[in-house]
Amino acid sequence: SVEWNGRELIDGGVANNTPISQAVELGAQRIYVLS
């Protein structure tokens, strides 16, 4: 794991490997998903 600002982080794929939700939150209107 990687320590990041007091957090212990592991593979993003465990929680959200294809982060469509993050792109939407960032304001993307069209999302090309490379799954």
Full PDB file with SEQRES, HELIX, SHEET, SSBOND, CRYST1, ORIGX, SCALE, CONECT and MASTER records, all heavy atoms in Angstrom:
SEQRES   1 A   35  SER VAL GLU TRP ASN GLY ARG GLU LEU ILE ASP GLY GLY          
SEQRES   2 A   35  VAL ALA ASN ASN THR PRO ILE SER GLN ALA VAL GLU LEU          
SEQRES   3 A   35  GLY ALA GLN ARG ILE TYR VAL LEU SER                          
HELIX    1 AA1 GLY A   13  ASN A   16  1                                   4    
HELIX    2 AA2 ILE A   20  GLU A   25  1                                   6    
SHEET    1 AA1 2 VAL A   2  TRP A   4  0                                        
SHEET    2 AA1 2 ARG A   7  LEU A   9 -1                                        
CRYST1    1.000    1.000    1.000  90.00  90.00  90.00 P 1           1          
ORIGX1      1.000000  0.000000  0.000000        0.00000                         
ORIGX2      0.000000  1.000000  0.000000        0.00000                         
ORIGX3      0.000000  0.000000  1.000000        0.00000                         
SCALE1      1.000000  0.000000  0.000000        0.00000                         
SCALE2      0.000000  1.000000  0.000000        0.00000                         
SCALE3      0.000000  0.000000  1.000000        0.00000                         
ATOM      1  N   SER A   1       0.847  -1.187   0.000  1.00  0.00           N  
ATOM      2  CA  SER A   1       0.000   0.000   0.000  1.00  0.00           C  
ATOM      3  C   SER A   1       0.886   1.241   0.000  1.00  0.00           C  
ATOM      4  O   SER A   1       2.089   1.179   0.259  1.00  0.00           O  
ATOM      5  CB  SER A   1      -0.913   0.007   1.227  1.00  0.00           C  
ATOM      6  OG  SER A   1      -0.132  -0.015   2.418  1.00  0.00           O  
ATOM      7  N   VAL A   2       0.285   2.386  -0.310  1.00  0.00           N  
ATOM      8  CA  VAL A   2       1.026   3.649  -0.384  1.00  0.00           C  
ATOM      9  C   VAL A   2       0.433   4.626   0.622  1.00  0.00           C  
ATOM     10  O   VAL A   2      -0.786   4.841   0.644  1.00  0.00           O  
ATOM     11  CB  VAL A   2       0.948   4.248  -1.807  1.00  0.00           C  
ATOM     12  CG1 VAL A   2       1.600   5.629  -1.851  1.00  0.00           C  
ATOM     13  CG2 VAL A   2       1.616   3.311  -2.811  1.00  0.00           C  
ATOM     14  N   GLU A   3       1.280   5.214   1.441  1.00  0.00           N  
ATOM     15  CA  GLU A   3       0.826   6.217   2.414  1.00  0.00           C  
ATOM     16  C   GLU A   3       0.634   7.541   1.692  1.00  0.00           C  
ATOM     17  O   GLU A   3       1.492   8.017   0.960  1.00  0.00           O  
ATOM     18  CB  GLU A   3       1.858   6.366   3.531  1.00  0.00           C  
ATOM     19  CG  GLU A   3       1.335   7.114   4.756  1.00  0.00           C  
ATOM     20  CD  GLU A   3       1.334   8.639   4.573  1.00  0.00           C  
ATOM     21  OE1 GLU A   3       2.205   9.146   3.819  1.00  0.00           O  
ATOM     22  OE2 GLU A   3       0.466   9.319   5.176  1.00  0.00           O  
ATOM     23  N   TRP A   4      -0.554   8.155   1.887  1.00  0.00           N  
ATOM     24  CA  TRP A   4      -0.885   9.402   1.202  1.00  0.00           C  
ATOM     25  C   TRP A   4      -1.663  10.293   2.162  1.00  0.00           C  
ATOM     26  O   TRP A   4      -2.829  10.048   2.435  1.00  0.00           O  
ATOM     27  CB  TRP A   4      -1.721   9.089  -0.039  1.00  0.00           C  
ATOM     28  CG  TRP A   4      -1.997  10.279  -0.916  1.00  0.00           C  
ATOM     29  CD1 TRP A   4      -2.924  11.256  -0.712  1.00  0.00           C  
ATOM     30  CD2 TRP A   4      -1.364  10.600  -2.160  1.00  0.00           C  
ATOM     31  NE1 TRP A   4      -2.898  12.165  -1.730  1.00  0.00           N  
ATOM     32  CE2 TRP A   4      -1.959  11.793  -2.642  1.00  0.00           C  
ATOM     33  CE3 TRP A   4      -0.349   9.998  -2.904  1.00  0.00           C  
ATOM     34  CZ2 TRP A   4      -1.564  12.377  -3.840  1.00  0.00           C  
ATOM     35  CZ3 TRP A   4       0.042  10.588  -4.101  1.00  0.00           C  
ATOM     36  CH2 TRP A   4      -0.561  11.763  -4.557  1.00  0.00           C  
ATOM     37  N   ASN A   5      -0.992  11.298   2.669  1.00  0.00           N  
ATOM     38  CA  ASN A   5      -1.627  12.261   3.580  1.00  0.00           C  
ATOM     39  C   ASN A   5      -2.374  11.572   4.725  1.00  0.00           C  
ATOM     40  O   ASN A   5      -3.525  11.901   5.036  1.00  0.00           O  
ATOM     41  CB  ASN A   5      -2.595  13.158   2.807  1.00  0.00           C  
ATOM     42  CG  ASN A   5      -1.885  14.051   1.806  1.00  0.00           C  
ATOM     43  OD1 ASN A   5      -0.714  14.387   1.976  1.00  0.00           O  
ATOM     44  ND2 ASN A   5      -2.583  14.427   0.747  1.00  0.00           N  
ATOM     45  N   GLY A   6      -1.711  10.623   5.351  1.00  0.00           N  
ATOM     46  CA  GLY A   6      -2.295   9.931   6.498  1.00  0.00           C  
ATOM     47  C   GLY A   6      -3.207   8.777   6.141  1.00  0.00           C  
ATOM     48  O   GLY A   6      -3.702   8.081   7.039  1.00  0.00           O  
ATOM     49  N   ARG A   7      -3.441   8.559   4.859  1.00  0.00           N  
ATOM     50  CA  ARG A   7      -4.271   7.442   4.413  1.00  0.00           C  
ATOM     51  C   ARG A   7      -3.391   6.326   3.874  1.00  0.00           C  
ATOM     52  O   ARG A   7      -2.300   6.571   3.343  1.00  0.00           O  
ATOM     53  CB  ARG A   7      -5.238   7.888   3.316  1.00  0.00           C  
ATOM     54  CG  ARG A   7      -6.435   8.688   3.814  1.00  0.00           C  
ATOM     55  CD  ARG A   7      -7.265   9.159   2.644  1.00  0.00           C  
ATOM     56  NE  ARG A   7      -8.659   9.334   3.005  1.00  0.00           N  
ATOM     57  CZ  ARG A   7      -9.570   9.863   2.199  1.00  0.00           C  
ATOM     58  NH1 ARG A   7      -9.228  10.238   0.982  1.00  0.00           N  
ATOM     59  NH2 ARG A   7     -10.821   9.989   2.600  1.00  0.00           N  
ATOM     60  N   GLU A   8      -3.879   5.117   3.977  1.00  0.00           N  
ATOM     61  CA  GLU A   8      -3.184   3.960   3.429  1.00  0.00           C  
ATOM     62  C   GLU A   8      -3.975   3.515   2.200  1.00  0.00           C  
ATOM     63  O   GLU A   8      -5.107   3.037   2.315  1.00  0.00           O  
ATOM     64  CB  GLU A   8      -3.112   2.844   4.463  1.00  0.00           C  
ATOM     65  CG  GLU A   8      -2.240   1.680   4.053  1.00  0.00           C  
ATOM     66  CD  GLU A   8      -2.140   0.637   5.153  1.00  0.00           C  
ATOM     67  OE1 GLU A   8      -2.666   0.888   6.254  1.00  0.00           O  
ATOM     68  OE2 GLU A   8      -1.542  -0.435   4.903  1.00  0.00           O  
ATOM     69  N   LEU A   9      -3.365   3.666   1.015  1.00  0.00           N  
ATOM     70  CA  LEU A   9      -4.085   3.457  -0.229  1.00  0.00           C  
ATOM     71  C   LEU A   9      -3.643   2.194  -0.960  1.00  0.00           C  
ATOM     72  O   LEU A   9      -2.455   1.848  -0.969  1.00  0.00           O  
ATOM     73  CB  LEU A   9      -3.902   4.662  -1.148  1.00  0.00           C  
ATOM     74  CG  LEU A   9      -4.324   6.027  -0.594  1.00  0.00           C  
ATOM     75  CD1 LEU A   9      -4.120   7.105  -1.650  1.00  0.00           C  
ATOM     76  CD2 LEU A   9      -5.774   5.998  -0.118  1.00  0.00           C  
ATOM     77  N   ILE A  10      -4.633   1.539  -1.595  1.00  0.00           N  
ATOM     78  CA  ILE A  10      -4.371   0.371  -2.419  1.00  0.00           C  
ATOM     79  C   ILE A  10      -5.078   0.545  -3.764  1.00  0.00           C  
ATOM     80  O   ILE A  10      -5.698   1.571  -4.034  1.00  0.00           O  
ATOM     81  CB  ILE A  10      -4.828  -0.936  -1.733  1.00  0.00           C  
ATOM     82  CG1 ILE A  10      -6.328  -0.859  -1.404  1.00  0.00           C  
ATOM     83  CG2 ILE A  10      -4.004  -1.206  -0.487  1.00  0.00           C  
ATOM     84  CD1 ILE A  10      -6.898  -2.174  -0.872  1.00  0.00           C  
ATOM     85  N   ASP A  11      -4.999  -0.470  -4.571  1.00  0.00           N  
ATOM     86  CA  ASP A  11      -5.530  -0.496  -5.937  1.00  0.00           C  
ATOM     87  C   ASP A  11      -6.922   0.131  -6.053  1.00  0.00           C  
ATOM     88  O   ASP A  11      -7.863  -0.282  -5.372  1.00  0.00           O  
ATOM     89  CB  ASP A  11      -5.587  -1.959  -6.404  1.00  0.00           C  
ATOM     90  CG  ASP A  11      -5.731  -2.082  -7.905  1.00  0.00           C  
ATOM     91  OD1 ASP A  11      -6.425  -1.254  -8.513  1.00  0.00           O  
ATOM     92  OD2 ASP A  11      -5.148  -3.025  -8.469  1.00  0.00           O  
ATOM     93  N   GLY A  12      -7.042   1.117  -6.951  1.00  0.00           N  
ATOM     94  CA  GLY A  12      -8.332   1.749  -7.165  1.00  0.00           C  
ATOM     95  C   GLY A  12      -9.374   0.806  -7.714  1.00  0.00           C  
ATOM     96  O   GLY A  12     -10.581   1.043  -7.580  1.00  0.00           O  
ATOM     97  N   GLY A  13      -8.919  -0.288  -8.340  1.00  0.00           N  
ATOM     98  CA  GLY A  13      -9.852  -1.255  -8.888  1.00  0.00           C  
ATOM     99  C   GLY A  13     -10.700  -1.940  -7.845  1.00  0.00           C  
ATOM    100  O   GLY A  13     -11.786  -2.452  -8.157  1.00  0.00           O  
ATOM    101  N   VAL A  14     -10.252  -1.954  -6.609  1.00  0.00           N  
ATOM    102  CA  VAL A  14     -11.022  -2.580  -5.536  1.00  0.00           C  
ATOM    103  C   VAL A  14     -12.326  -1.825  -5.312  1.00  0.00           C  
ATOM    104  O   VAL A  14     -13.392  -2.428  -5.117  1.00  0.00           O  
ATOM    105  CB  VAL A  14     -10.198  -2.622  -4.230  1.00  0.00           C  
ATOM    106  CG1 VAL A  14     -11.048  -3.146  -3.077  1.00  0.00           C  
ATOM    107  CG2 VAL A  14      -8.948  -3.486  -4.422  1.00  0.00           C  
ATOM    108  N   ALA A  15     -12.271  -0.498  -5.350  1.00  0.00           N  
ATOM    109  CA  ALA A  15     -13.458   0.315  -5.108  1.00  0.00           C  
ATOM    110  C   ALA A  15     -14.137   0.755  -6.400  1.00  0.00           C  
ATOM    111  O   ALA A  15     -15.367   0.783  -6.484  1.00  0.00           O  
ATOM    112  CB  ALA A  15     -13.095   1.546  -4.280  1.00  0.00           C  
ATOM    113  N   ASN A  16     -13.315   1.085  -7.425  1.00  0.00           N  
ATOM    114  CA  ASN A  16     -13.907   1.641  -8.643  1.00  0.00           C  
ATOM    115  C   ASN A  16     -12.885   1.591  -9.767  1.00  0.00           C  
ATOM    116  O   ASN A  16     -12.209   2.575 -10.043  1.00  0.00           O  
ATOM    117  CB  ASN A  16     -14.378   3.080  -8.398  1.00  0.00           C  
ATOM    118  CG  ASN A  16     -15.244   3.609  -9.522  1.00  0.00           C  
ATOM    119  OD1 ASN A  16     -15.478   2.936 -10.517  1.00  0.00           O  
ATOM    120  ND2 ASN A  16     -15.725   4.826  -9.358  1.00  0.00           N  
ATOM    121  N   ASN A  17     -12.803   0.469 -10.442  1.00  0.00           N  
ATOM    122  CA  ASN A  17     -11.774   0.294 -11.462  1.00  0.00           C  
ATOM    123  C   ASN A  17     -12.061   1.091 -12.733  1.00  0.00           C  
ATOM    124  O   ASN A  17     -11.145   1.489 -13.444  1.00  0.00           O  
ATOM    125  CB  ASN A  17     -11.633  -1.178 -11.822  1.00  0.00           C  
ATOM    126  CG  ASN A  17     -10.439  -1.440 -12.726  1.00  0.00           C  
ATOM    127  OD1 ASN A  17      -9.308  -1.363 -12.286  1.00  0.00           O  
ATOM    128  ND2 ASN A  17     -10.699  -1.733 -13.986  1.00  0.00           N  
ATOM    129  N   THR A  18     -13.329   1.317 -13.030  1.00  0.00           N  
ATOM    130  CA  THR A  18     -13.710   2.103 -14.199  1.00  0.00           C  
ATOM    131  C   THR A  18     -14.471   3.321 -13.697  1.00  0.00           C  
ATOM    132  O   THR A  18     -15.700   3.322 -13.650  1.00  0.00           O  
ATOM    133  CB  THR A  18     -14.574   1.271 -15.164  1.00  0.00           C  
ATOM    134  OG1 THR A  18     -13.951  -0.001 -15.369  1.00  0.00           O  
ATOM    135  CG2 THR A  18     -14.726   1.970 -16.499  1.00  0.00           C  
ATOM    136  N   PRO A  19     -13.751   4.368 -13.288  1.00  0.00           N  
ATOM    137  CA  PRO A  19     -14.343   5.469 -12.512  1.00  0.00           C  
ATOM    138  C   PRO A  19     -15.230   6.420 -13.309  1.00  0.00           C  
ATOM    139  O   PRO A  19     -14.952   7.618 -13.439  1.00  0.00           O  
ATOM    140  CB  PRO A  19     -13.126   6.175 -11.931  1.00  0.00           C  
ATOM    141  CG  PRO A  19     -12.026   5.883 -12.893  1.00  0.00           C  
ATOM    142  CD  PRO A  19     -12.291   4.518 -13.439  1.00  0.00           C  
ATOM    143  N   ILE A  20     -16.310   5.884 -13.851  1.00  0.00           N  
ATOM    144  CA  ILE A  20     -17.283   6.718 -14.554  1.00  0.00           C  
ATOM    145  C   ILE A  20     -17.839   7.777 -13.609  1.00  0.00           C  
ATOM    146  O   ILE A  20     -18.006   8.944 -13.982  1.00  0.00           O  
ATOM    147  CB  ILE A  20     -18.422   5.850 -15.114  1.00  0.00           C  
ATOM    148  CG1 ILE A  20     -17.878   4.867 -16.151  1.00  0.00           C  
ATOM    149  CG2 ILE A  20     -19.517   6.716 -15.726  1.00  0.00           C  
ATOM    150  CD1 ILE A  20     -18.895   3.848 -16.625  1.00  0.00           C  
ATOM    151  N   SER A  21     -18.124   7.367 -12.378  1.00  0.00           N  
ATOM    152  CA  SER A  21     -18.709   8.289 -11.403  1.00  0.00           C  
ATOM    153  C   SER A  21     -17.803   9.483 -11.153  1.00  0.00           C  
ATOM    154  O   SER A  21     -18.277  10.625 -11.001  1.00  0.00           O  
ATOM    155  CB  SER A  21     -18.980   7.554 -10.086  1.00  0.00           C  
ATOM    156  OG  SER A  21     -17.777   7.000  -9.556  1.00  0.00           O  
ATOM    157  N   GLN A  22     -16.495   9.252 -11.113  1.00  0.00           N  
ATOM    158  CA  GLN A  22     -15.555  10.346 -10.886  1.00  0.00           C  
ATOM    159  C   GLN A  22     -15.545  11.317 -12.065  1.00  0.00           C  
ATOM    160  O   GLN A  22     -15.485  12.539 -11.881  1.00  0.00           O  
ATOM    161  CB  GLN A  22     -14.148   9.786 -10.650  1.00  0.00           C  
ATOM    162  CG  GLN A  22     -14.003   8.942  -9.402  1.00  0.00           C  
ATOM    163  CD  GLN A  22     -14.024   9.770  -8.128  1.00  0.00           C  
ATOM    164  OE1 GLN A  22     -13.961  10.989  -8.165  1.00  0.00           O  
ATOM    165  NE2 GLN A  22     -14.123   9.104  -6.991  1.00  0.00           N  
ATOM    166  N   ALA A  23     -15.609  10.785 -13.269  1.00  0.00           N  
ATOM    167  CA  ALA A  23     -15.636  11.643 -14.453  1.00  0.00           C  
ATOM    168  C   ALA A  23     -16.901  12.503 -14.477  1.00  0.00           C  
ATOM    169  O   ALA A  23     -16.851  13.689 -14.809  1.00  0.00           O  
ATOM    170  CB  ALA A  23     -15.544  10.791 -15.721  1.00  0.00           C  
ATOM    171  N   VAL A  24     -18.025  11.899 -14.108  1.00  0.00           N  
ATOM    172  CA  VAL A  24     -19.284  12.657 -14.048  1.00  0.00           C  
ATOM    173  C   VAL A  24     -19.175  13.763 -13.013  1.00  0.00           C  
ATOM    174  O   VAL A  24     -19.575  14.905 -13.246  1.00  0.00           O  
ATOM    175  CB  VAL A  24     -20.467  11.719 -13.719  1.00  0.00           C  
ATOM    176  CG1 VAL A  24     -21.727  12.519 -13.410  1.00  0.00           C  
ATOM    177  CG2 VAL A  24     -20.728  10.765 -14.883  1.00  0.00           C  
ATOM    178  N   GLU A  25     -18.618  13.441 -11.848  1.00  0.00           N  
ATOM    179  CA  GLU A  25     -18.465  14.434 -10.784  1.00  0.00           C  
ATOM    180  C   GLU A  25     -17.558  15.579 -11.212  1.00  0.00           C  
ATOM    181  O   GLU A  25     -17.745  16.728 -10.786  1.00  0.00           O  
ATOM    182  CB  GLU A  25     -17.917  13.762  -9.529  1.00  0.00           C  
ATOM    183  CG  GLU A  25     -17.867  14.669  -8.314  1.00  0.00           C  
ATOM    184  CD  GLU A  25     -17.431  13.925  -7.059  1.00  0.00           C  
ATOM    185  OE1 GLU A  25     -17.841  12.752  -6.893  1.00  0.00           O  
ATOM    186  OE2 GLU A  25     -16.691  14.505  -6.256  1.00  0.00           O  
ATOM    187  N   LEU A  26     -16.596  15.286 -12.075  1.00  0.00           N  
ATOM    188  CA  LEU A  26     -15.673  16.315 -12.555  1.00  0.00           C  
ATOM    189  C   LEU A  26     -16.266  17.146 -13.698  1.00  0.00           C  
ATOM    190  O   LEU A  26     -15.624  18.058 -14.196  1.00  0.00           O  
ATOM    191  CB  LEU A  26     -14.368  15.660 -13.022  1.00  0.00           C  
ATOM    192  CG  LEU A  26     -13.461  15.136 -11.898  1.00  0.00           C  
ATOM    193  CD1 LEU A  26     -12.415  14.183 -12.448  1.00  0.00           C  
ATOM    194  CD2 LEU A  26     -12.791  16.292 -11.158  1.00  0.00           C  
ATOM    195  N   GLY A  27     -17.474  16.799 -14.104  1.00  0.00           N  
ATOM    196  CA  GLY A  27     -18.169  17.614 -15.100  1.00  0.00           C  
ATOM    197  C   GLY A  27     -18.135  17.101 -16.519  1.00  0.00           C  
ATOM    198  O   GLY A  27     -18.567  17.809 -17.445  1.00  0.00           O  
ATOM    199  N   ALA A  28     -17.638  15.898 -16.740  1.00  0.00           N  
ATOM    200  CA  ALA A  28     -17.581  15.355 -18.102  1.00  0.00           C  
ATOM    201  C   ALA A  28     -18.987  15.115 -18.638  1.00  0.00           C  
ATOM    202  O   ALA A  28     -19.835  14.554 -17.947  1.00  0.00           O  
ATOM    203  CB  ALA A  28     -16.781  14.063 -18.123  1.00  0.00           C  
ATOM    204  N   GLN A  29     -19.232  15.539 -19.864  1.00  0.00           N  
ATOM    205  CA  GLN A  29     -20.528  15.337 -20.510  1.00  0.00           C  
ATOM    206  C   GLN A  29     -20.506  14.131 -21.443  1.00  0.00           C  
ATOM    207  O   GLN A  29     -21.538  13.528 -21.706  1.00  0.00           O  
ATOM    208  CB  GLN A  29     -20.920  16.593 -21.293  1.00  0.00           C  
ATOM    209  CG  GLN A  29     -21.046  17.832 -20.412  1.00  0.00           C  
ATOM    210  CD  GLN A  29     -21.240  19.083 -21.244  1.00  0.00           C  
ATOM    211  OE1 GLN A  29     -21.844  19.046 -22.312  1.00  0.00           O  
ATOM    212  NE2 GLN A  29     -20.717  20.196 -20.767  1.00  0.00           N  
ATOM    213  N   ARG A  30     -19.349  13.843 -21.983  1.00  0.00           N  
ATOM    214  CA  ARG A  30     -19.176  12.643 -22.792  1.00  0.00           C  
ATOM    215  C   ARG A  30     -18.009  11.865 -22.202  1.00  0.00           C  
ATOM    216  O   ARG A  30     -16.936  12.416 -21.965  1.00  0.00           O  
ATOM    217  CB  ARG A  30     -18.869  12.982 -24.251  1.00  0.00           C  
ATOM    218  CG  ARG A  30     -18.462  11.738 -25.052  1.00  0.00           C  
ATOM    219  CD  ARG A  30     -18.219  12.012 -26.528  1.00  0.00           C  
ATOM    220  NE  ARG A  30     -19.432  12.521 -27.134  1.00  0.00           N  
ATOM    221  CZ  ARG A  30     -19.643  13.802 -27.353  1.00  0.00           C  
ATOM    222  NH1 ARG A  30     -18.727  14.682 -27.016  1.00  0.00           N  
ATOM    223  NH2 ARG A  30     -20.765  14.220 -27.891  1.00  0.00           N  
ATOM    224  N   ILE A  31     -18.199  10.596 -21.977  1.00  0.00           N  
ATOM    225  CA  ILE A  31     -17.168   9.785 -21.337  1.00  0.00           C  
ATOM    226  C   ILE A  31     -16.859   8.587 -22.222  1.00  0.00           C  
ATOM    227  O   ILE A  31     -17.728   7.753 -22.485  1.00  0.00           O  
ATOM    228  CB  ILE A  31     -17.622   9.309 -19.940  1.00  0.00           C  
ATOM    229  CG1 ILE A  31     -17.977  10.509 -19.060  1.00  0.00           C  
ATOM    230  CG2 ILE A  31     -16.525   8.462 -19.286  1.00  0.00           C  
ATOM    231  CD1 ILE A  31     -18.617  10.130 -17.744  1.00  0.00           C  
ATOM    232  N   TYR A  32     -15.627   8.521 -22.678  1.00  0.00           N  
ATOM    233  CA  TYR A  32     -15.153   7.352 -23.412  1.00  0.00           C  
ATOM    234  C   TYR A  32     -14.599   6.376 -22.383  1.00  0.00           C  
ATOM    235  O   TYR A  32     -13.600   6.654 -21.720  1.00  0.00           O  
ATOM    236  CB  TYR A  32     -14.072   7.752 -24.417  1.00  0.00           C  
ATOM    237  CG  TYR A  32     -14.591   8.569 -25.578  1.00  0.00           C  
ATOM    238  CD1 TYR A  32     -14.661   9.959 -25.497  1.00  0.00           C  
ATOM    239  CD2 TYR A  32     -15.029   7.951 -26.741  1.00  0.00           C  
ATOM    240  CE1 TYR A  32     -15.146  10.710 -26.555  1.00  0.00           C  
ATOM    241  CE2 TYR A  32     -15.520   8.704 -27.806  1.00  0.00           C  
ATOM    242  CZ  TYR A  32     -15.572  10.072 -27.707  1.00  0.00           C  
ATOM    243  OH  TYR A  32     -16.064  10.817 -28.757  1.00  0.00           O  
ATOM    244  N   VAL A  33     -15.249   5.249 -22.272  1.00  0.00           N  
ATOM    245  CA  VAL A  33     -14.873   4.254 -21.268  1.00  0.00           C  
ATOM    246  C   VAL A  33     -14.016   3.186 -21.931  1.00  0.00           C  
ATOM    247  O   VAL A  33     -14.485   2.466 -22.815  1.00  0.00           O  
ATOM    248  CB  VAL A  33     -16.114   3.625 -20.612  1.00  0.00           C  
ATOM    249  CG1 VAL A  33     -15.706   2.631 -19.529  1.00  0.00           C  
ATOM    250  CG2 VAL A  33     -17.016   4.713 -20.034  1.00  0.00           C  
ATOM    251  N   LEU A  34     -12.775   3.080 -21.480  1.00  0.00           N  
ATOM    252  CA  LEU A  34     -11.845   2.097 -22.033  1.00  0.00           C  
ATOM    253  C   LEU A  34     -11.720   0.955 -21.027  1.00  0.00           C  
ATOM    254  O   LEU A  34     -10.768   0.862 -20.256  1.00  0.00           O  
ATOM    255  CB  LEU A  34     -10.478   2.731 -22.302  1.00  0.00           C  
ATOM    256  CG  LEU A  34     -10.323   3.563 -23.584  1.00  0.00           C  
ATOM    257  CD1 LEU A  34     -11.329   4.697 -23.649  1.00  0.00           C  
ATOM    258  CD2 LEU A  34      -8.909   4.106 -23.695  1.00  0.00           C  
ATOM    259  N   SER A  35     -12.717   0.100 -21.042  1.00  0.00           N  
ATOM    260  CA  SER A  35     -12.786  -0.955 -20.043  1.00  0.00           C  
ATOM    261  C   SER A  35     -12.017  -2.194 -20.486  1.00  0.00           C  
ATOM    262  O   SER A  35     -12.115  -2.621 -21.635  1.00  0.00           O  
ATOM    263  CB  SER A  35     -14.250  -1.337 -19.786  1.00  0.00           C  
ATOM    264  OG  SER A  35     -14.324  -2.483 -18.975  1.00  0.00           O  
TER     265      SER A  35                                                      
MASTER        0    0    0    2    2    0    0    6  264    1    0    3          
END                                                                             
